[in-house]
PDB file of N, CA and C in Angstrom:
ATOM      1  N   UNK A   1       0.815  -1.185   0.000  1.00  0.00           N
ATOM      2  CA  UNK A   1       0.000   0.000   0.000  1.00  0.00           C
ATOM      3  C   UNK A   1       0.863   1.255   0.000  1.00  0.00           C
ATOM      4  N   UNK A   2       1.995   1.177   0.692  1.00  0.00           N
ATOM      5  CA  UNK A   2       2.891   2.347   0.693  1.00  0.00           C
ATOM      6  C   UNK A   2       3.356   2.661  -0.722  1.00  0.00           C
ATOM      7  N   UNK A   3       3.793   1.642  -1.442  1.00  0.00           N
ATOM      8  CA  UNK A   3       4.297   1.860  -2.807  1.00  0.00           C
ATOM      9  C   UNK A   3       3.195   2.392  -3.723  1.00  0.00           C
ATOM     10  N   UNK A   4       1.998   1.837  -3.608  1.00  0.00           N
ATOM     11  CA  UNK A   4       0.877   2.283  -4.439  1.00  0.00           C
ATOM     12  C   UNK A   4       0.534   3.737  -4.124  1.00  0.00           C
ATOM     13  N   UNK A   5       0.515   4.069  -2.843  1.00  0.00           N
ATOM     14  CA  UNK A   5       0.195   5.431  -2.427  1.00  0.00           C
ATOM     15  C   UNK A   5       1.278   6.402  -2.880  1.00  0.00           C
ATOM     16  N   UNK A   6       2.534   5.972  -2.808  1.00  0.00           N
ATOM     17  CA  UNK A   6       3.630   6.805  -3.310  1.00  0.00           C
ATOM     18  C   UNK A   6       3.526   7.004  -4.818  1.00  0.00           C
ATOM     19  N   UNK A   7       3.161   5.947  -5.539  1.00  0.00           N
ATOM     20  CA  UNK A   7       3.011   6.052  -6.994  1.00  0.00           C
ATOM     21  C   UNK A   7       1.919   7.058  -7.357  1.00  0.00           C
ATOM     22  N   UNK A   8       0.833   7.051  -6.627  1.00  0.00           N
ATOM     23  CA  UNK A   8      -0.235   8.026  -6.863  1.00  0.00           C
ATOM     24  C   UNK A   8       0.302   9.442  -6.660  1.00  0.00           C
ATOM     25  N   UNK A   9       1.040   9.650  -5.584  1.00  0.00           N
ATOM     26  CA  UNK A   9       1.592  10.976  -5.293  1.00  0.00           C
ATOM     27  C   UNK A   9       2.551  11.421  -6.394  1.00  0.00           C
ATOM     28  N   UNK A  10       3.381  10.523  -6.862  1.00  0.00           N
ATOM     29  CA  UNK A  10       4.307  10.871  -7.949  1.00  0.00           C
ATOM     30  C   UNK A  10       3.530  11.246  -9.202  1.00  0.00           C
ATOM     31  N   UNK A  11       2.505  10.473  -9.529  1.00  0.00           N
ATOM     32  CA  UNK A  11       1.699  10.756 -10.719  1.00  0.00           C
ATOM     33  C   UNK A  11       1.025  12.125 -10.595  1.00  0.00           C
ATOM     34  N   UNK A  12       0.580  12.465  -9.405  1.00  0.00           N
ATOM     35  CA  UNK A  12      -0.108  13.735  -9.198  1.00  0.00           C
ATOM     36  C   UNK A  12       0.869  14.906  -9.104  1.00  0.00           C
ATOM     37  N   UNK A  13       2.077  14.672  -8.574  1.00  0.00           N
ATOM     38  CA  UNK A  13       3.027  15.750  -8.290  1.00  0.00           C
ATOM     39  C   UNK A  13       4.073  15.972  -9.370  1.00  0.00           C
ATOM     40  N   UNK A  14       4.338  14.987 -10.207  1.00  0.00           N
ATOM     41  CA  UNK A  14       5.431  15.082 -11.182  1.00  0.00           C
ATOM     42  C   UNK A  14       4.878  14.807 -12.581  1.00  0.00           C
ATOM     43  N   UNK A  15       4.388  15.857 -13.195  1.00  0.00           N
ATOM     44  CA  UNK A  15       3.707  15.725 -14.490  1.00  0.00           C
ATOM     45  C   UNK A  15       4.607  15.109 -15.556  1.00  0.00           C
ATOM     46  N   UNK A  16       5.872  15.540 -15.615  1.00  0.00           N
ATOM     47  CA  UNK A  16       6.789  15.024 -16.641  1.00  0.00           C
ATOM     48  C   UNK A  16       7.008  13.516 -16.481  1.00  0.00           C
ATOM     49  N   UNK A  17       7.237  13.080 -15.258  1.00  0.00           N
ATOM     50  CA  UNK A  17       7.421  11.648 -15.018  1.00  0.00           C
ATOM     51  C   UNK A  17       6.122  10.896 -15.290  1.00  0.00           C
ATOM     52  N   UNK A  18       5.003  11.475 -14.905  1.00  0.00           N
ATOM     53  CA  UNK A  18       3.708  10.842 -15.175  1.00  0.00           C
ATOM     54  C   UNK A  18       3.506  10.662 -16.674  1.00  0.00           C
ATOM     55  N   UNK A  19       3.907  11.659 -17.457  1.00  0.00           N
ATOM     56  CA  UNK A  19       3.785  11.553 -18.915  1.00  0.00           C
ATOM     57  C   UNK A  19       4.702  10.452 -19.457  1.00  0.00           C
ATOM     58  N   UNK A  20       5.910  10.368 -18.925  1.00  0.00           N
ATOM     59  CA  UNK A  20       6.865   9.347 -19.378  1.00  0.00           C
ATOM     60  C   UNK A  20       6.338   7.937 -19.070  1.00  0.00           C
ATOM     61  N   UNK A  21       5.828   7.754 -17.881  1.00  0.00           N
ATOM     62  CA  UNK A  21       5.289   6.445 -17.486  1.00  0.00           C
ATOM     63  C   UNK A  21       4.041   6.112 -18.304  1.00  0.00           C
ATOM     64  N   UNK A  22       3.183   7.091 -18.488  1.00  0.00           N
ATOM     65  CA  UNK A  22       1.974   6.878 -19.291  1.00  0.00           C
ATOM     66  C   UNK A  22       2.351   6.490 -20.711  1.00  0.00           C
ATOM     67  N   UNK A  23       3.346   7.137 -21.275  1.00  0.00           N
ATOM     68  CA  UNK A  23       3.812   6.804 -22.621  1.00  0.00           C
ATOM     69  C   UNK A  23       4.325   5.371 -22.687  1.00  0.00           C
ATOM     70  N   UNK A  24       5.101   4.997 -21.686  1.00  0.00           N
ATOM     71  CA  UNK A  24       5.672   3.645 -21.668  1.00  0.00           C
ATOM     72  C   UNK A  24       4.586   2.573 -21.680  1.00  0.00           C
ATOM     73  N   UNK A  25       3.549   2.754 -20.889  1.00  0.00           N
ATOM     74  CA  UNK A  25       2.546   1.705 -20.739  1.00  0.00           C
ATOM     75  C   UNK A  25       1.363   1.814 -21.700  1.00  0.00           C
ATOM     76  N   UNK A  26       1.222   2.959 -22.378  1.00  0.00           N
ATOM     77  CA  UNK A  26       0.127   3.087 -23.337  1.00  0.00           C
ATOM     78  C   UNK A  26       0.609   3.114 -24.778  1.00  0.00           C
ATOM     79  N   UNK A  27       1.883   3.415 -24.956  1.00  0.00           N
ATOM     80  CA  UNK A  27       2.407   3.531 -26.312  1.00  0.00           C
ATOM     81  C   UNK A  27       2.140   4.891 -26.939  1.00  0.00           C
ATOM     82  N   UNK A  28       1.526   5.801 -26.204  1.00  0.00           N
ATOM     83  CA  UNK A  28       1.258   7.143 -26.723  1.00  0.00           C
ATOM     84  C   UNK A  28       2.575   7.905 -26.798  1.00  0.00           C
ATOM     85  N   UNK A  29       2.851   8.506 -27.948  1.00  0.00           N
ATOM     86  CA  UNK A  29       4.096   9.261 -28.123  1.00  0.00           C
ATOM     87  C   UNK A  29       3.857  10.765 -28.257  1.00  0.00           C
ATOM     88  N   UNK A  30       2.681  11.157 -28.674  1.00  0.00           N
ATOM     89  CA  UNK A  30       2.355  12.561 -28.888  1.00  0.00           C
ATOM     90  C   UNK A  30       2.309  13.308 -27.550  1.00  0.00           C
ATOM     91  N   UNK A  31       3.138  14.338 -27.403  1.00  0.00           N
ATOM     92  CA  UNK A  31       3.257  15.058 -26.136  1.00  0.00           C
ATOM     93  C   UNK A  31       1.946  15.721 -25.716  1.00  0.00           C
ATOM     94  N   UNK A  32       1.218  16.251 -26.658  1.00  0.00           N
ATOM     95  CA  UNK A  32      -0.045  16.920 -26.324  1.00  0.00           C
ATOM     96  C   UNK A  32      -1.075  15.919 -25.808  1.00  0.00           C
ATOM     97  N   UNK A  33      -1.125  14.760 -26.434  1.00  0.00           N
ATOM     98  CA  UNK A  33      -2.065  13.725 -25.978  1.00  0.00           C
ATOM     99  C   UNK A  33      -1.642  13.207 -24.609  1.00  0.00           C
ATOM    100  N   UNK A  34      -0.338  13.016 -24.416  1.00  0.00           N
ATOM    101  CA  UNK A  34       0.154  12.567 -23.107  1.00  0.00           C
ATOM    102  C   UNK A  34      -0.205  13.580 -22.027  1.00  0.00           C
ATOM    103  N   UNK A  35       0.020  14.855 -22.313  1.00  0.00           N
ATOM    104  CA  UNK A  35      -0.294  15.900 -21.333  1.00  0.00           C
ATOM    105  C   UNK A  35      -1.782  15.895 -21.008  1.00  0.00           C
ATOM    106  N   UNK A  36      -2.613  15.784 -22.025  1.00  0.00           N
ATOM    107  CA  UNK A  36      -4.064  15.754 -21.800  1.00  0.00           C
ATOM    108  C   UNK A  36      -4.475  14.538 -20.988  1.00  0.00           C
ATOM    109  N   UNK A  37      -3.839  13.412 -21.260  1.00  0.00           N
ATOM    110  CA  UNK A  37      -4.155  12.178 -20.549  1.00  0.00           C
ATOM    111  C   UNK A  37      -3.812  12.307 -19.064  1.00  0.00           C
ATOM    112  N   UNK A  38      -2.610  12.791 -18.776  1.00  0.00           N
ATOM    113  CA  UNK A  38      -2.196  12.967 -17.385  1.00  0.00           C
ATOM    114  C   UNK A  38      -3.069  14.017 -16.699  1.00  0.00           C
ATOM    115  N   UNK A  39      -3.349  15.104 -17.394  1.00  0.00           N
ATOM    116  CA  UNK A  39      -4.182  16.156 -16.816  1.00  0.00           C
ATOM    117  C   UNK A  39      -5.597  15.658 -16.523  1.00  0.00           C
ATOM    118  N   UNK A  40      -6.066  14.719 -17.313  1.00  0.00           N
ATOM    119  CA  UNK A  40      -7.399  14.151 -17.104  1.00  0.00           C
ATOM    120  C   UNK A  40      -7.412  13.190 -15.915  1.00  0.00           C
ATOM    121  N   UNK A  41      -6.424  12.284 -15.862  1.00  0.00           N
ATOM    122  CA  UNK A  41      -6.456  11.226 -14.852  1.00  0.00           C
ATOM    123  C   UNK A  41      -5.886  11.617 -13.491  1.00  0.00           C
ATOM    124  N   UNK A  42      -4.870  12.451 -13.446  1.00  0.00           N
ATOM    125  CA  UNK A  42      -4.231  12.782 -12.166  1.00  0.00           C
ATOM    126  C   UNK A  42      -5.225  13.305 -11.121  1.00  0.00           C
ATOM    127  N   UNK A  43      -6.110  14.231 -11.480  1.00  0.00           N
ATOM    128  CA  UNK A  43      -7.058  14.719 -10.465  1.00  0.00           C
ATOM    129  C   UNK A  43      -8.065  13.663 -10.010  1.00  0.00           C
ATOM    130  N   UNK A  44      -8.257  12.641 -10.804  1.00  0.00           N
ATOM    131  CA  UNK A  44      -9.232  11.603 -10.462  1.00  0.00           C
ATOM    132  C   UNK A  44      -8.673  10.586  -9.465  1.00  0.00           C
ATOM    133  N   UNK A  45      -7.361  10.526  -9.347  1.00  0.00           N
ATOM    134  CA  UNK A  45      -6.740   9.597  -8.402  1.00  0.00           C
ATOM    135  C   UNK A  45      -6.876  10.149  -6.988  1.00  0.00           C
ATOM    136  N   UNK A  46      -7.403   9.344  -6.110  1.00  0.00           N
ATOM    137  CA  UNK A  46      -7.561   9.758  -4.713  1.00  0.00           C
ATOM    138  C   UNK A  46      -6.206   9.697  -4.009  1.00  0.00           C
ATOM    139  N   UNK A  47      -5.892  10.720  -3.240  1.00  0.00           N
ATOM    140  CA  UNK A  47      -4.631  10.731  -2.485  1.00  0.00           C
ATOM    141  C   UNK A  47      -4.581   9.557  -1.510  1.00  0.00           C
ATOM    142  N   UNK A  48      -5.698   9.280  -0.892  1.00  0.00           N
ATOM    143  CA  UNK A  48      -5.787   8.169   0.061  1.00  0.00           C
ATOM    144  C   UNK A  48      -6.649   7.099  -0.619  1.00  0.00           C
ATOM    145  N   UNK A  49      -6.019   6.026  -1.101  1.00  0.00           N
ATOM    146  CA  UNK A  49      -6.717   5.063  -1.963  1.00  0.00           C
ATOM    147  C   UNK A  49      -7.550   4.009  -1.233  1.00  0.00           C
ATOM    148  N   UNK A  50      -8.592   4.475  -0.562  1.00  0.00           N
ATOM    149  CA  UNK A  50      -9.496   3.513   0.065  1.00  0.00           C
ATOM    150  C   UNK A  50     -10.254   2.756  -1.024  1.00  0.00           C
ATOM    151  N   UNK A  51     -10.509   1.472  -0.814  1.00  0.00           N
ATOM    152  CA  UNK A  51     -11.318   0.727  -1.787  1.00  0.00           C
ATOM    153  C   UNK A  51     -12.752   1.242  -1.755  1.00  0.00           C
ATOM    154  N   UNK A  52     -13.443   1.081  -2.867  1.00  0.00           N
ATOM    155  CA  UNK A  52     -14.845   1.506  -2.930  1.00  0.00           C
ATOM    156  C   UNK A  52     -15.720   0.309  -3.281  1.00  0.00           C
ATOM    157  N   UNK A  53     -16.951   0.374  -2.844  1.00  0.00           N
ATOM    158  CA  UNK A  53     -17.910  -0.677  -3.168  1.00  0.00           C
ATOM    159  C   UNK A  53     -18.072  -0.763  -4.684  1.00  0.00           C
ATOM    160  N   UNK A  54     -18.172   0.381  -5.346  1.00  0.00           N
ATOM    161  CA  UNK A  54     -18.326   0.392  -6.795  1.00  0.00           C
ATOM    162  C   UNK A  54     -17.145  -0.227  -7.521  1.00  0.00           C
ATOM    163  N   UNK A  55     -15.952   0.072  -7.052  1.00  0.00           N
ATOM    164  CA  UNK A  55     -14.750  -0.500  -7.664  1.00  0.00           C
ATOM    165  C   UNK A  55     -14.699  -2.011  -7.504  1.00  0.00           C
ATOM    166  N   UNK A  56     -15.010  -2.482  -6.314  1.00  0.00           N
ATOM    167  CA  UNK A  56     -15.006  -3.926  -6.086  1.00  0.00           C
ATOM    168  C   UNK A  56     -16.142  -4.622  -6.832  1.00  0.00           C
ATOM    169  N   UNK A  57     -17.277  -3.950  -6.957  1.00  0.00           N
ATOM    170  CA  UNK A  57     -18.390  -4.518  -7.734  1.00  0.00           C
ATOM    171  C   UNK A  57     -17.954  -4.691  -9.187  1.00  0.00           C
ATOM    172  N   UNK A  58     -17.247  -3.707  -9.733  1.00  0.00           N
ATOM    173  CA  UNK A  58     -16.744  -3.792 -11.102  1.00  0.00           C
ATOM    174  C   UNK A  58     -15.829  -5.009 -11.259  1.00  0.00           C
ATOM    175  N   UNK A  59     -14.913  -5.195 -10.316  1.00  0.00           N
ATOM    176  CA  UNK A  59     -13.999  -6.344 -10.378  1.00  0.00           C
ATOM    177  C   UNK A  59     -14.785  -7.651 -10.311  1.00  0.00           C
ATOM    178  N   UNK A  60     -15.724  -7.735  -9.398  1.00  0.00           N
ATOM    179  CA  UNK A  60     -16.535  -8.953  -9.283  1.00  0.00           C
ATOM    180  C   UNK A  60     -17.323  -9.216 -10.566  1.00  0.00           C
ATOM    181  N   UNK A  61     -17.835  -8.167 -11.183  1.00  0.00           N
ATOM    182  CA  UNK A  61     -18.556  -8.340 -12.451  1.00  0.00           C
ATOM    183  C   UNK A  61     -17.635  -8.869 -13.545  1.00  0.00           C
ATOM    184  N   UNK A  62     -16.404  -8.397 -13.557  1.00  0.00           N
ATOM    185  CA  UNK A  62     -15.441  -8.880 -14.552  1.00  0.00           C
ATOM    186  C   UNK A  62     -15.070 -10.350 -14.293  1.00  0.00           C
ATOM    187  N   UNK A  63     -14.865 -10.685 -13.040  1.00  0.00           N
ATOM    188  CA  UNK A  63     -14.555 -12.078 -12.679  1.00  0.00           C
ATOM    189  C   UNK A  63     -15.735 -12.976 -13.020  1.00  0.00           C
ATOM    190  N   UNK A  64     -16.946 -12.474 -12.830  1.00  0.00           N
ATOM    191  CA  UNK A  64     -18.157 -13.266 -13.069  1.00  0.00           C
ATOM    192  C   UNK A  64     -18.313 -13.689 -14.530  1.00  0.00           C
ATOM    193  N   UNK A  65     -17.643 -13.008 -15.424  1.00  0.00           N
ATOM    194  CA  UNK A  65     -17.684 -13.412 -16.837  1.00  0.00           C
ATOM    195  C   UNK A  65     -17.113 -14.819 -16.987  1.00  0.00           C
ATOM    196  N   UNK A  66     -16.049 -15.098 -16.232  1.00  0.00           N
ATOM    197  CA  UNK A  66     -15.418 -16.429 -16.274  1.00  0.00           C
ATOM    198  C   UNK A  66     -15.892 -17.343 -15.151  1.00  0.00           C
ATOM    199  N   UNK A  67     -16.292 -16.726 -14.031  1.00  0.00           N
ATOM    200  CA  UNK A  67     -16.692 -17.498 -12.849  1.00  0.00           C
ATOM    201  C   UNK A  67     -17.989 -16.917 -12.305  1.00  0.00           C
ATOM    202  N   UNK A  68     -19.129 -17.417 -12.790  1.00  0.00           N
ATOM    203  CA  UNK A  68     -20.435 -16.845 -12.414  1.00  0.00           C
ATOM    204  C   UNK A  68     -20.696 -16.764 -10.915  1.00  0.00           C
ATOM    205  N   UNK A  69     -20.053 -17.596 -10.114  1.00  0.00           N
ATOM    206  CA  UNK A  69     -20.256 -17.550  -8.664  1.00  0.00           C
ATOM    207  C   UNK A  69     -19.858 -16.204  -8.067  1.00  0.00           C
ATOM    208  N   UNK A  70     -19.029 -15.464  -8.760  1.00  0.00           N
ATOM    209  CA  UNK A  70     -18.573 -14.164  -8.244  1.00  0.00           C
ATOM    210  C   UNK A  70     -19.746 -13.213  -8.025  1.00  0.00           C
ATOM    211  N   UNK A  71     -20.837 -13.399  -8.759  1.00  0.00           N
ATOM    212  CA  UNK A  71     -22.011 -12.535  -8.600  1.00  0.00           C
ATOM    213  C   UNK A  71     -22.673 -12.720  -7.243  1.00  0.00           C
ATOM    214  N   UNK A  72     -22.362 -13.817  -6.564  1.00  0.00           N
ATOM    215  CA  UNK A  72     -22.985 -14.126  -5.274  1.00  0.00           C
ATOM    216  C   UNK A  72     -22.306 -13.422  -4.099  1.00  0.00           C
ATOM    217  N   UNK A  73     -21.197 -12.735  -4.342  1.00  0.00           N
ATOM    218  CA  UNK A  73     -20.448 -12.114  -3.253  1.00  0.00           C
ATOM    219  C   UNK A  73     -20.730 -10.618  -3.181  1.00  0.00           C
ATOM    220  N   UNK A  74     -20.861 -10.136  -1.969  1.00  0.00           N
ATOM    221  CA  UNK A  74     -20.997  -8.692  -1.748  1.00  0.00           C
ATOM    222  C   UNK A  74     -19.603  -8.068  -1.785  1.00  0.00           C
ATOM    223  N   UNK A  75     -19.450  -6.932  -2.431  1.00  0.00           N
ATOM    224  CA  UNK A  75     -18.137  -6.286  -2.500  1.00  0.00           C
ATOM    225  C   UNK A  75     -17.527  -6.035  -1.120  1.00  0.00           C
ATOM    226  N   UNK A  76     -18.366  -5.724  -0.156  1.00  0.00           N
ATOM    227  CA  UNK A  76     -17.874  -5.434   1.195  1.00  0.00           C
ATOM    228  C   UNK A  76     -17.104  -6.606   1.804  1.00  0.00           C
ATOM    229  N   UNK A  77     -17.397  -7.817   1.334  1.00  0.00           N
ATOM    230  CA  UNK A  77     -16.707  -9.012   1.816  1.00  0.00           C
ATOM    231  C   UNK A  77     -15.200  -8.904   1.614  1.00  0.00           C
ATOM    232  N   UNK A  78     -14.791  -8.166   0.588  1.00  0.00           N
ATOM    233  CA  UNK A  78     -13.392  -8.096   0.212  1.00  0.00           C
ATOM    234  C   UNK A  78     -12.718  -6.789   0.623  1.00  0.00           C
ATOM    235  N   UNK A  79     -13.422  -5.953   1.347  1.00  0.00           N
ATOM    236  CA  UNK A  79     -12.870  -4.657   1.721  1.00  0.00           C
ATOM    237  C   UNK A  79     -12.133  -4.735   3.053  1.00  0.00           C
ATOM    238  N   UNK A  80     -10.889  -4.314   3.027  1.00  0.00           N
ATOM    239  CA  UNK A  80     -10.082  -4.228   4.235  1.00  0.00           C
ATOM    240  C   UNK A  80      -9.340  -2.892   4.162  1.00  0.00           C
ATOM    241  N   UNK A  81      -9.783  -1.961   4.945  1.00  0.00           N
ATOM    242  CA  UNK A  81      -9.231  -0.607   4.862  1.00  0.00           C
ATOM    243  C   UNK A  81      -8.158  -0.314   5.903  1.00  0.00           C
ATOM    244  N   UNK A  82      -7.823  -1.279   6.727  1.00  0.00           N
ATOM    245  CA  UNK A  82      -6.932  -0.981   7.856  1.00  0.00           C
ATOM    246  C   UNK A  82      -5.548  -0.513   7.432  1.00  0.00           C
ATOM    247  N   UNK A  83      -4.993  -1.051   6.334  1.00  0.00           N
ATOM    248  CA  UNK A  83      -3.644  -0.652   5.927  1.00  0.00           C
ATOM    249  C   UNK A  83      -3.635   0.773   5.372  1.00  0.00           C
ATOM    250  N   UNK A  84      -4.648   1.111   4.609  1.00  0.00           N
ATOM    251  CA  UNK A  84      -4.754   2.479   4.097  1.00  0.00           C
ATOM    252  C   UNK A  84      -4.985   3.438   5.262  1.00  0.00           C
ATOM    253  N   UNK A  85      -5.830   3.052   6.181  1.00  0.00           N
ATOM    254  CA  UNK A  85      -6.105   3.901   7.347  1.00  0.00           C
ATOM    255  C   UNK A  85      -4.841   4.129   8.172  1.00  0.00           C
ATOM    256  N   UNK A  86      -4.019   3.095   8.340  1.00  0.00           N
ATOM    257  CA  UNK A  86      -2.762   3.249   9.081  1.00  0.00           C
ATOM    258  C   UNK A  86      -1.857   4.267   8.395  1.00  0.00           C
ATOM    259  N   UNK A  87      -1.785   4.188   7.060  1.00  0.00           N
ATOM    260  CA  UNK A  87      -0.954   5.146   6.327  1.00  0.00           C
ATOM    261  C   UNK A  87      -1.486   6.566   6.485  1.00  0.00           C
ATOM    262  N   UNK A  88      -2.794   6.694   6.408  1.00  0.00           N
ATOM    263  CA  UNK A  88      -3.399   8.017   6.546  1.00  0.00           C
ATOM    264  C   UNK A  88      -3.200   8.554   7.970  1.00  0.00           C
ATOM    265  N   UNK A  89      -3.498   7.732   8.959  1.00  0.00           N
ATOM    266  CA  UNK A  89      -3.402   8.162  10.358  1.00  0.00           C
ATOM    267  C   UNK A  89      -1.962   8.495  10.772  1.00  0.00           C
ATOM    268  N   UNK A  90      -0.987   7.835  10.160  1.00  0.00           N
ATOM    269  CA  UNK A  90       0.413   8.058  10.517  1.00  0.00           C
ATOM    270  C   UNK A  90       0.962   9.367   9.945  1.00  0.00           C
ATOM    271  N   UNK A  91       0.230   9.967   9.014  1.00  0.00           N
ATOM    272  CA  UNK A  91       0.715  11.181   8.361  1.00  0.00           C
ATOM    273  C   UNK A  91       1.524  10.897   7.110  1.00  0.00           C
ATOM    274  N   UNK A  92       1.695   9.620   6.788  1.00  0.00           N
ATOM    275  CA  UNK A  92       2.491   9.227   5.617  1.00  0.00           C
ATOM    276  C   UNK A  92       1.949   9.858   4.342  1.00  0.00           C
ATOM    277  N   UNK A  93       0.656   9.744   4.113  1.00  0.00           N
ATOM    278  CA  UNK A  93       0.059  10.260   2.877  1.00  0.00           C
ATOM    279  C   UNK A  93       0.219  11.772   2.809  1.00  0.00           C
ATOM    280  N   UNK A  94      -0.078  12.442   3.885  1.00  0.00           N
ATOM    281  CA  UNK A  94       0.036  13.906   3.914  1.00  0.00           C
ATOM    282  C   UNK A  94       1.455  14.351   3.580  1.00  0.00           C
ATOM    283  N   UNK A  95       2.431  13.585   4.032  1.00  0.00           N
ATOM    284  CA  UNK A  95       3.839  13.918   3.789  1.00  0.00           C
ATOM    285  C   UNK A  95       4.266  13.742   2.334  1.00  0.00           C
ATOM    286  N   UNK A  96       3.458  13.096   1.522  1.00  0.00           N
ATOM    287  CA  UNK A  96       3.797  12.890   0.117  1.00  0.00           C
ATOM    288  C   UNK A  96       3.455  14.092  -0.760  1.00  0.00           C
ATOM    289  N   UNK A  97       2.731  15.047  -0.194  1.00  0.00           N
ATOM    290  CA  UNK A  97       2.254  16.181  -0.983  1.00  0.00           C
ATOM    291  C   UNK A  97       2.881  17.470  -0.476  1.00  0.00           C
ATOM    292  N   UNK A  98       3.262  18.326  -1.414  1.00  0.00           N
ATOM    293  CA  UNK A  98       3.857  19.596  -1.008  1.00  0.00           C
ATOM    294  C   UNK A  98       2.892  20.413  -0.159  1.00  0.00           C
ATOM    295  N   UNK A  99       3.449  21.197   0.697  1.00  0.00           N
ATOM    296  CA  UNK A  99       2.614  22.067   1.533  1.00  0.00           C
ATOM    297  C   UNK A  99       1.895  23.052   0.631  1.00  0.00           C
ATOM    298  N   UNK A 100       0.695  23.399   1.030  1.00  0.00           N
ATOM    299  CA  UNK A 100       0.026  24.416   0.224  1.00  0.00           C
ATOM    300  C   UNK A 100      -1.410  24.236   0.056  1.00  0.00           C
TER     301      UNK A 100
END
């Protein structure tokens, strides 16, 4: 969780690096498209990445395509927020962002 949370902070705080990483994994080479892509997605990333019921429902729906039993599970069954909460409560997440 620490690494994932740090990656989010880097993506939000370092536009040039975010563009480079986005290019590597998407194959996009056009600088204007890369900039637009990062500008679109960076604000949507939550600083504190708590799982959401909607996100887990989406995953279960995708799994259900291959394994129909997945539809029988409530998303909350798979939610464990304690590690994210520990990072938030410790001040770790806050320390990843510039003051301001």
